[in-house]
N, C-alpha and C. Protein backbone atom coordinates (compact mmCIF):
# COMPACT_ATOMS: atom_id res chain seq x y z
N UNK A 1 0.81 -1.19 0.00
CA UNK A 1 0.00 0.00 0.00
C UNK A 1 0.86 1.26 0.00
N UNK A 2 2.10 1.12 0.36
CA UNK A 2 2.99 2.28 0.35
C UNK A 2 3.12 2.81 -1.07
N UNK A 3 3.03 4.11 -1.20
CA UNK A 3 3.17 4.73 -2.52
C UNK A 3 1.88 4.82 -3.31
N UNK A 4 0.81 4.16 -2.86
CA UNK A 4 -0.47 4.23 -3.56
C UNK A 4 -1.21 5.49 -3.13
N UNK A 5 -2.01 6.04 -4.03
CA UNK A 5 -2.82 7.19 -3.64
C UNK A 5 -4.00 6.68 -2.82
N UNK A 6 -4.26 7.38 -1.75
CA UNK A 6 -5.32 6.99 -0.83
C UNK A 6 -6.48 7.96 -0.93
N UNK A 7 -7.65 7.47 -0.59
CA UNK A 7 -8.86 8.30 -0.61
C UNK A 7 -9.45 8.32 0.80
N UNK A 8 -10.05 9.43 1.20
CA UNK A 8 -10.69 9.49 2.52
C UNK A 8 -11.88 8.54 2.60
N UNK A 9 -12.03 7.91 3.73
CA UNK A 9 -13.15 6.98 3.95
C UNK A 9 -13.78 7.26 5.31
N UNK A 10 -15.08 7.59 5.32
CA UNK A 10 -15.77 7.70 6.61
C UNK A 10 -16.11 6.29 7.10
N UNK A 11 -15.96 6.08 8.40
CA UNK A 11 -16.27 4.79 9.00
C UNK A 11 -17.34 4.99 10.08
N UNK A 12 -18.15 3.99 10.30
CA UNK A 12 -19.16 4.00 11.35
C UNK A 12 -20.04 5.23 11.27
N UNK A 13 -20.57 5.46 10.06
CA UNK A 13 -21.48 6.57 9.85
C UNK A 13 -20.81 7.93 9.93
N UNK A 14 -19.49 7.98 9.75
CA UNK A 14 -18.76 9.24 9.78
C UNK A 14 -18.17 9.58 11.14
N UNK A 15 -18.39 8.72 12.16
CA UNK A 15 -17.84 8.98 13.49
C UNK A 15 -16.32 8.95 13.49
N UNK A 16 -15.75 8.16 12.60
CA UNK A 16 -14.30 8.04 12.44
C UNK A 16 -14.02 8.13 10.96
N UNK A 17 -12.87 8.65 10.60
CA UNK A 17 -12.49 8.64 9.19
C UNK A 17 -11.02 8.25 9.06
N UNK A 18 -10.69 7.73 7.92
CA UNK A 18 -9.32 7.32 7.61
C UNK A 18 -9.13 7.42 6.11
N UNK A 19 -7.97 7.05 5.65
CA UNK A 19 -7.70 7.03 4.21
C UNK A 19 -6.89 5.80 3.88
N UNK A 20 -7.26 5.15 2.78
CA UNK A 20 -6.52 3.99 2.27
C UNK A 20 -6.82 3.85 0.79
N UNK A 21 -6.08 3.00 0.06
CA UNK A 21 -6.22 2.94 -1.40
C UNK A 21 -7.65 2.69 -1.89
N UNK A 22 -7.97 3.36 -2.99
CA UNK A 22 -9.30 3.27 -3.59
C UNK A 22 -9.63 1.86 -4.09
N UNK A 23 -8.61 1.03 -4.31
CA UNK A 23 -8.85 -0.33 -4.82
C UNK A 23 -9.63 -1.21 -3.84
N UNK A 24 -9.70 -0.80 -2.57
CA UNK A 24 -10.46 -1.56 -1.58
C UNK A 24 -11.94 -1.23 -1.69
N UNK A 25 -12.77 -2.27 -1.80
CA UNK A 25 -14.22 -2.12 -1.95
C UNK A 25 -14.90 -2.39 -0.62
N UNK A 26 -15.96 -1.66 -0.37
CA UNK A 26 -16.75 -1.82 0.85
C UNK A 26 -17.56 -3.11 0.76
N UNK A 27 -17.32 -4.04 1.67
CA UNK A 27 -18.00 -5.33 1.66
C UNK A 27 -19.49 -5.18 1.96
N UNK A 28 -19.88 -4.12 2.66
CA UNK A 28 -21.30 -3.94 2.98
C UNK A 28 -22.14 -3.70 1.72
N UNK A 29 -21.51 -3.39 0.60
CA UNK A 29 -22.24 -3.28 -0.67
C UNK A 29 -22.55 -4.66 -1.26
N UNK A 30 -21.91 -5.71 -0.71
CA UNK A 30 -22.07 -7.07 -1.22
C UNK A 30 -22.86 -7.95 -0.25
N UNK A 31 -22.54 -7.82 1.04
CA UNK A 31 -23.20 -8.63 2.06
C UNK A 31 -23.32 -7.83 3.35
N UNK A 32 -24.12 -8.34 4.27
CA UNK A 32 -24.32 -7.66 5.54
C UNK A 32 -23.06 -7.76 6.39
N UNK A 33 -22.70 -6.65 7.02
CA UNK A 33 -21.55 -6.57 7.92
C UNK A 33 -22.08 -6.11 9.27
N UNK A 34 -21.64 -6.72 10.37
CA UNK A 34 -22.12 -6.30 11.70
C UNK A 34 -21.86 -4.81 11.94
N UNK A 35 -22.71 -4.19 12.74
CA UNK A 35 -22.62 -2.75 13.00
C UNK A 35 -21.29 -2.33 13.62
N UNK A 36 -20.63 -3.21 14.36
CA UNK A 36 -19.37 -2.86 15.02
C UNK A 36 -18.16 -3.05 14.11
N UNK A 37 -18.40 -3.40 12.82
CA UNK A 37 -17.30 -3.64 11.88
C UNK A 37 -17.47 -2.82 10.60
N UNK A 38 -16.33 -2.50 10.00
CA UNK A 38 -16.27 -1.96 8.64
C UNK A 38 -15.26 -2.85 7.93
N UNK A 39 -15.65 -3.44 6.80
CA UNK A 39 -14.81 -4.41 6.11
C UNK A 39 -14.64 -3.98 4.66
N UNK A 40 -13.38 -4.02 4.19
CA UNK A 40 -13.04 -3.64 2.82
C UNK A 40 -12.14 -4.73 2.23
N UNK A 41 -12.32 -5.01 0.95
CA UNK A 41 -11.50 -6.03 0.29
C UNK A 41 -11.02 -5.53 -1.06
N UNK A 42 -9.90 -6.08 -1.47
CA UNK A 42 -9.40 -5.94 -2.83
C UNK A 42 -9.42 -7.35 -3.41
N UNK A 43 -10.48 -7.69 -4.16
CA UNK A 43 -10.60 -9.05 -4.67
C UNK A 43 -9.48 -9.45 -5.64
N UNK A 44 -8.91 -8.49 -6.34
CA UNK A 44 -7.84 -8.81 -7.29
C UNK A 44 -6.58 -9.28 -6.57
N UNK A 45 -6.36 -8.77 -5.38
CA UNK A 45 -5.15 -9.14 -4.61
C UNK A 45 -5.48 -10.04 -3.42
N UNK A 46 -6.77 -10.29 -3.17
CA UNK A 46 -7.21 -11.10 -2.04
C UNK A 46 -6.73 -10.50 -0.71
N UNK A 47 -6.74 -9.16 -0.63
CA UNK A 47 -6.35 -8.45 0.58
C UNK A 47 -7.60 -7.88 1.25
N UNK A 48 -7.53 -7.72 2.56
CA UNK A 48 -8.67 -7.13 3.26
C UNK A 48 -8.22 -6.22 4.39
N UNK A 49 -9.09 -5.28 4.71
CA UNK A 49 -8.93 -4.36 5.83
C UNK A 49 -10.20 -4.44 6.68
N UNK A 50 -10.03 -4.59 7.98
CA UNK A 50 -11.18 -4.70 8.87
C UNK A 50 -10.98 -3.72 10.03
N UNK A 51 -12.00 -2.93 10.30
CA UNK A 51 -12.02 -2.00 11.42
C UNK A 51 -13.13 -2.46 12.36
N UNK A 52 -12.81 -2.62 13.64
CA UNK A 52 -13.80 -3.10 14.61
C UNK A 52 -13.78 -2.25 15.86
N UNK A 53 -14.96 -2.00 16.40
CA UNK A 53 -15.10 -1.36 17.70
C UNK A 53 -15.56 -2.44 18.67
N UNK A 54 -14.74 -2.71 19.68
CA UNK A 54 -15.01 -3.79 20.63
C UNK A 54 -15.05 -3.25 22.05
N UNK A 55 -15.75 -3.96 22.93
CA UNK A 55 -15.70 -3.62 24.34
C UNK A 55 -14.26 -3.77 24.82
N UNK A 56 -13.82 -2.85 25.64
CA UNK A 56 -12.45 -2.88 26.16
C UNK A 56 -12.21 -4.18 26.92
N UNK A 57 -11.12 -4.84 26.58
CA UNK A 57 -10.70 -6.05 27.29
C UNK A 57 -9.85 -5.60 28.48
N UNK A 58 -10.51 -5.22 29.57
CA UNK A 58 -9.84 -4.67 30.73
C UNK A 58 -8.86 -5.62 31.39
N UNK A 59 -9.09 -6.91 31.21
CA UNK A 59 -8.21 -7.90 31.83
C UNK A 59 -6.89 -8.07 31.07
N UNK A 60 -6.79 -7.46 29.89
CA UNK A 60 -5.58 -7.56 29.07
C UNK A 60 -4.78 -6.28 29.25
N UNK A 61 -3.48 -6.41 29.58
CA UNK A 61 -2.67 -5.21 29.78
C UNK A 61 -2.34 -4.54 28.45
N UNK A 62 -2.08 -3.25 28.50
CA UNK A 62 -1.81 -2.47 27.30
C UNK A 62 -0.65 -3.04 26.49
N UNK A 63 0.43 -3.38 27.17
CA UNK A 63 1.63 -3.86 26.48
C UNK A 63 1.39 -5.15 25.71
N UNK A 64 0.45 -5.95 26.16
CA UNK A 64 0.20 -7.23 25.49
C UNK A 64 -1.08 -7.29 24.70
N UNK A 65 -1.78 -6.17 24.56
CA UNK A 65 -3.12 -6.21 23.94
C UNK A 65 -3.08 -6.62 22.47
N UNK A 66 -2.17 -6.05 21.69
CA UNK A 66 -2.14 -6.38 20.26
C UNK A 66 -1.79 -7.84 20.05
N UNK A 67 -0.84 -8.34 20.81
CA UNK A 67 -0.48 -9.75 20.71
C UNK A 67 -1.63 -10.64 21.17
N UNK A 68 -2.35 -10.21 22.20
CA UNK A 68 -3.52 -10.97 22.67
C UNK A 68 -4.57 -11.07 21.56
N UNK A 69 -4.86 -9.95 20.89
CA UNK A 69 -5.84 -9.95 19.80
C UNK A 69 -5.36 -10.79 18.62
N UNK A 70 -4.06 -10.71 18.30
CA UNK A 70 -3.50 -11.52 17.22
C UNK A 70 -3.70 -13.00 17.50
N UNK A 71 -3.40 -13.42 18.71
CA UNK A 71 -3.59 -14.84 19.08
C UNK A 71 -5.06 -15.22 19.08
N UNK A 72 -5.93 -14.30 19.52
CA UNK A 72 -7.36 -14.57 19.53
C UNK A 72 -7.88 -14.77 18.11
N UNK A 73 -7.45 -13.93 17.18
CA UNK A 73 -7.86 -14.08 15.77
C UNK A 73 -7.35 -15.40 15.21
N UNK A 74 -6.10 -15.74 15.51
CA UNK A 74 -5.54 -17.00 15.04
C UNK A 74 -6.36 -18.19 15.55
N UNK A 75 -6.76 -18.14 16.81
CA UNK A 75 -7.58 -19.22 17.37
C UNK A 75 -8.96 -19.26 16.73
N UNK A 76 -9.59 -18.09 16.52
CA UNK A 76 -10.91 -18.02 15.88
C UNK A 76 -10.86 -18.61 14.48
N UNK A 77 -9.75 -18.43 13.79
CA UNK A 77 -9.63 -18.91 12.41
C UNK A 77 -8.97 -20.29 12.35
N UNK A 78 -8.94 -20.97 13.50
CA UNK A 78 -8.38 -22.32 13.58
C UNK A 78 -6.94 -22.37 13.08
N UNK A 79 -6.19 -21.32 13.37
CA UNK A 79 -4.79 -21.25 12.95
C UNK A 79 -3.87 -21.13 14.15
N UNK A 80 -4.40 -21.37 15.35
CA UNK A 80 -3.65 -21.18 16.58
C UNK A 80 -2.30 -21.87 16.60
N UNK A 81 -2.21 -23.07 16.03
CA UNK A 81 -0.95 -23.81 16.02
C UNK A 81 -0.01 -23.32 14.93
N UNK A 82 -0.51 -22.52 14.01
CA UNK A 82 0.27 -22.10 12.85
C UNK A 82 0.58 -20.61 12.86
N UNK A 83 0.66 -20.00 14.04
CA UNK A 83 0.92 -18.57 14.14
C UNK A 83 2.40 -18.33 14.40
N UNK A 84 2.99 -17.48 13.59
CA UNK A 84 4.37 -17.04 13.80
C UNK A 84 4.32 -15.54 14.03
N UNK A 85 4.69 -15.10 15.22
CA UNK A 85 4.68 -13.68 15.53
C UNK A 85 5.98 -13.07 15.03
N UNK A 86 5.84 -12.05 14.19
CA UNK A 86 7.01 -11.41 13.61
C UNK A 86 7.42 -10.15 14.35
N UNK A 87 6.46 -9.46 14.96
CA UNK A 87 6.76 -8.19 15.62
C UNK A 87 5.59 -7.81 16.52
N UNK A 88 5.90 -7.15 17.61
CA UNK A 88 4.86 -6.61 18.47
C UNK A 88 5.43 -5.41 19.22
N UNK A 89 4.63 -4.36 19.39
CA UNK A 89 5.09 -3.17 20.09
C UNK A 89 3.93 -2.35 20.62
N UNK A 90 4.22 -1.42 21.52
CA UNK A 90 3.20 -0.57 22.15
C UNK A 90 3.71 0.85 22.25
N UNK A 91 2.81 1.84 22.07
CA UNK A 91 3.18 3.23 22.26
C UNK A 91 1.98 4.03 22.73
N UNK A 92 2.26 5.12 23.44
CA UNK A 92 1.20 6.01 23.91
C UNK A 92 0.96 7.07 22.85
N UNK A 93 -0.30 7.32 22.52
CA UNK A 93 -0.67 8.34 21.53
C UNK A 93 -1.10 9.59 22.28
N UNK A 94 -0.15 10.38 22.69
CA UNK A 94 -0.41 11.55 23.53
C UNK A 94 -1.38 12.53 22.89
N UNK A 95 -1.37 12.65 21.56
CA UNK A 95 -2.24 13.62 20.89
C UNK A 95 -3.65 13.08 20.66
N UNK A 96 -3.88 11.80 20.90
CA UNK A 96 -5.22 11.21 20.76
C UNK A 96 -5.75 10.93 22.16
N UNK A 97 -6.72 11.72 22.55
CA UNK A 97 -7.25 11.60 23.91
C UNK A 97 -8.76 11.45 23.87
N UNK A 98 -9.26 10.73 24.84
CA UNK A 98 -10.69 10.67 25.10
C UNK A 98 -10.82 11.07 26.56
N UNK A 99 -11.22 12.31 26.80
CA UNK A 99 -11.19 12.84 28.16
C UNK A 99 -9.75 13.14 28.54
N UNK A 100 -9.37 12.77 29.75
CA UNK A 100 -8.02 13.03 30.26
C UNK A 100 -7.02 11.95 29.89
N UNK A 101 -7.51 10.77 29.54
CA UNK A 101 -6.60 9.63 29.31
C UNK A 101 -6.14 9.58 27.86
N UNK A 102 -4.81 9.52 27.66
CA UNK A 102 -4.31 9.35 26.29
C UNK A 102 -4.59 7.92 25.81
N UNK A 103 -4.72 7.78 24.53
CA UNK A 103 -4.93 6.45 23.95
C UNK A 103 -3.60 5.71 23.92
N UNK A 104 -3.68 4.41 23.99
CA UNK A 104 -2.51 3.55 23.88
C UNK A 104 -2.71 2.68 22.65
N UNK A 105 -1.67 2.57 21.84
CA UNK A 105 -1.76 1.75 20.63
C UNK A 105 -0.77 0.61 20.72
N UNK A 106 -1.22 -0.55 20.34
CA UNK A 106 -0.35 -1.70 20.24
C UNK A 106 -0.38 -2.22 18.82
N UNK A 107 0.74 -2.71 18.36
CA UNK A 107 0.80 -3.29 17.02
C UNK A 107 1.39 -4.68 17.10
N UNK A 108 0.99 -5.50 16.16
CA UNK A 108 1.53 -6.85 16.09
C UNK A 108 1.43 -7.32 14.64
N UNK A 109 2.41 -8.06 14.22
CA UNK A 109 2.42 -8.63 12.87
C UNK A 109 2.67 -10.13 13.02
N UNK A 110 1.86 -10.90 12.35
CA UNK A 110 2.02 -12.34 12.42
C UNK A 110 1.79 -12.98 11.06
N UNK A 111 2.22 -14.20 10.97
CA UNK A 111 2.00 -15.00 9.76
C UNK A 111 1.25 -16.24 10.20
N UNK A 112 0.16 -16.57 9.50
CA UNK A 112 -0.63 -17.72 9.88
C UNK A 112 -1.20 -18.44 8.68
N UNK A 113 -1.60 -19.66 8.92
CA UNK A 113 -2.23 -20.49 7.89
C UNK A 113 -3.72 -20.53 8.19
N UNK A 114 -4.54 -20.08 7.22
CA UNK A 114 -5.99 -20.02 7.42
C UNK A 114 -6.70 -20.54 6.17
N UNK A 115 -7.89 -21.08 6.41
CA UNK A 115 -8.76 -21.50 5.32
C UNK A 115 -9.91 -20.53 5.21
N UNK A 116 -10.43 -20.36 4.01
CA UNK A 116 -11.60 -19.52 3.80
C UNK A 116 -12.85 -20.35 4.07
N UNK A 117 -13.83 -19.71 4.66
CA UNK A 117 -15.09 -20.39 4.91
C UNK A 117 -14.88 -21.64 5.74
N UNK A 118 -15.44 -22.74 5.30
CA UNK A 118 -15.36 -23.99 6.04
C UNK A 118 -14.44 -25.00 5.36
N UNK A 119 -13.52 -24.52 4.56
CA UNK A 119 -12.58 -25.41 3.90
C UNK A 119 -11.62 -25.99 4.92
N UNK A 120 -11.07 -27.15 4.63
CA UNK A 120 -10.17 -27.83 5.56
C UNK A 120 -8.74 -27.35 5.47
N UNK A 121 -7.89 -28.00 6.25
CA UNK A 121 -6.47 -27.63 6.31
C UNK A 121 -5.76 -27.76 4.97
N UNK A 122 -6.26 -28.64 4.10
CA UNK A 122 -5.61 -28.80 2.79
C UNK A 122 -5.74 -27.56 1.91
N UNK A 123 -6.66 -26.67 2.28
CA UNK A 123 -6.86 -25.43 1.51
C UNK A 123 -6.38 -24.21 2.29
N UNK A 124 -5.53 -24.41 3.28
CA UNK A 124 -5.05 -23.28 4.06
C UNK A 124 -4.10 -22.40 3.26
N UNK A 125 -4.35 -21.12 3.32
CA UNK A 125 -3.50 -20.12 2.70
C UNK A 125 -2.56 -19.56 3.77
N UNK A 126 -1.41 -19.10 3.35
CA UNK A 126 -0.48 -18.44 4.27
C UNK A 126 -0.69 -16.94 4.10
N UNK A 127 -1.02 -16.25 5.20
CA UNK A 127 -1.27 -14.82 5.15
C UNK A 127 -0.45 -14.11 6.22
N UNK A 128 -0.11 -12.86 5.92
CA UNK A 128 0.49 -11.99 6.92
C UNK A 128 -0.64 -11.14 7.46
N UNK A 129 -0.73 -11.06 8.77
CA UNK A 129 -1.77 -10.30 9.43
C UNK A 129 -1.13 -9.14 10.17
N UNK A 130 -1.48 -7.92 9.75
CA UNK A 130 -1.02 -6.70 10.41
C UNK A 130 -2.14 -6.24 11.33
N UNK A 131 -1.83 -6.01 12.58
CA UNK A 131 -2.87 -5.68 13.54
C UNK A 131 -2.47 -4.45 14.35
N UNK A 132 -3.42 -3.55 14.53
CA UNK A 132 -3.24 -2.40 15.42
C UNK A 132 -4.43 -2.37 16.36
N UNK A 133 -4.14 -2.12 17.63
CA UNK A 133 -5.18 -2.02 18.65
C UNK A 133 -5.02 -0.66 19.33
N UNK A 134 -6.05 0.19 19.20
CA UNK A 134 -6.05 1.49 19.87
C UNK A 134 -7.00 1.36 21.04
N UNK A 135 -6.47 1.58 22.24
CA UNK A 135 -7.25 1.40 23.46
C UNK A 135 -7.76 2.75 23.96
N UNK A 136 -9.07 2.91 23.94
CA UNK A 136 -9.73 4.13 24.43
C UNK A 136 -10.38 3.79 25.76
N UNK A 137 -9.60 3.87 26.82
CA UNK A 137 -10.07 3.39 28.14
C UNK A 137 -11.25 4.20 28.66
N UNK A 138 -11.24 5.52 28.50
CA UNK A 138 -12.37 6.33 28.97
C UNK A 138 -13.65 6.04 28.19
N UNK A 139 -13.51 5.49 27.00
CA UNK A 139 -14.67 5.09 26.20
C UNK A 139 -14.94 3.61 26.29
N UNK A 140 -14.18 2.89 27.12
CA UNK A 140 -14.32 1.44 27.31
C UNK A 140 -14.32 0.71 25.96
N UNK A 141 -13.42 1.15 25.07
CA UNK A 141 -13.42 0.62 23.70
C UNK A 141 -12.01 0.22 23.26
N UNK A 142 -11.93 -0.93 22.63
CA UNK A 142 -10.74 -1.34 21.89
C UNK A 142 -11.07 -1.17 20.41
N UNK A 143 -10.29 -0.34 19.72
CA UNK A 143 -10.43 -0.20 18.27
C UNK A 143 -9.41 -1.15 17.66
N UNK A 144 -9.90 -2.09 16.88
CA UNK A 144 -9.03 -3.10 16.28
C UNK A 144 -9.00 -2.89 14.78
N UNK A 145 -7.80 -2.78 14.23
CA UNK A 145 -7.61 -2.62 12.78
C UNK A 145 -6.74 -3.78 12.32
N UNK A 146 -7.25 -4.55 11.37
CA UNK A 146 -6.49 -5.67 10.85
C UNK A 146 -6.41 -5.59 9.33
N UNK A 147 -5.26 -5.96 8.82
CA UNK A 147 -5.05 -6.03 7.37
C UNK A 147 -4.47 -7.40 7.06
N UNK A 148 -5.05 -8.07 6.09
CA UNK A 148 -4.60 -9.39 5.66
C UNK A 148 -3.93 -9.27 4.30
N UNK A 149 -2.73 -9.82 4.21
CA UNK A 149 -1.98 -9.86 2.96
C UNK A 149 -1.64 -11.32 2.65
N UNK A 150 -2.13 -11.85 1.54
CA UNK A 150 -1.81 -13.24 1.22
C UNK A 150 -0.35 -13.39 0.80
N UNK A 151 0.28 -14.43 1.31
CA UNK A 151 1.65 -14.75 0.91
C UNK A 151 1.67 -15.98 0.01
N UNK A 152 0.75 -16.93 0.28
CA UNK A 152 0.63 -18.14 -0.52
C UNK A 152 -0.83 -18.55 -0.57
N UNK A 153 -1.39 -18.60 -1.77
CA UNK A 153 -2.77 -19.03 -1.96
C UNK A 153 -2.73 -20.46 -2.51
N UNK A 154 -3.34 -21.40 -1.76
CA UNK A 154 -3.37 -22.79 -2.20
C UNK A 154 -4.32 -22.94 -3.39
N UNK A 155 -4.01 -23.86 -4.24
CA UNK A 155 -4.81 -24.11 -5.44
C UNK A 155 -6.25 -24.47 -5.07
N UNK A 156 -6.45 -25.22 -3.98
CA UNK A 156 -7.78 -25.66 -3.60
C UNK A 156 -8.59 -24.62 -2.85
N UNK A 157 -8.01 -23.46 -2.61
CA UNK A 157 -8.71 -22.42 -1.87
C UNK A 157 -9.72 -21.71 -2.77
N UNK A 158 -10.92 -21.48 -2.24
CA UNK A 158 -11.93 -20.77 -3.03
C UNK A 158 -11.64 -19.28 -3.02
N UNK A 159 -12.09 -18.59 -4.03
CA UNK A 159 -11.86 -17.15 -4.13
C UNK A 159 -13.08 -16.37 -3.75
């Protein structure tokens, strides 16, 4: 995505906005997406971007939140045994505040083997998952941003 021209995108009815390449299509134009999610895909590259507003996981510490979410996604996608963590970090976003508390952001990058839909392990694709977690404690919200980049698409995988 580096070097591509990006377009502004309102999310969650305009409550949040961001910018990313125009090649990503809004999945809600194709199928129903839960209210707490915004999902975009580039079908030509099999890449996706997902923005989620979740209840704050208060039991998870800030320093480990992104890695916790990465592992949770891997388990949800039945890839728990096939997760390789490449990087994880945390920083305070002093300029992003909700009330008096600054937001904390965690990032994590992993590589995992996942199948689309209900396909079995023989159709697992290898993907890199980029994850950012912005913790808005005064709003009791974890903002989760995930980007999937395929590294290896198996022949038996559906498109």
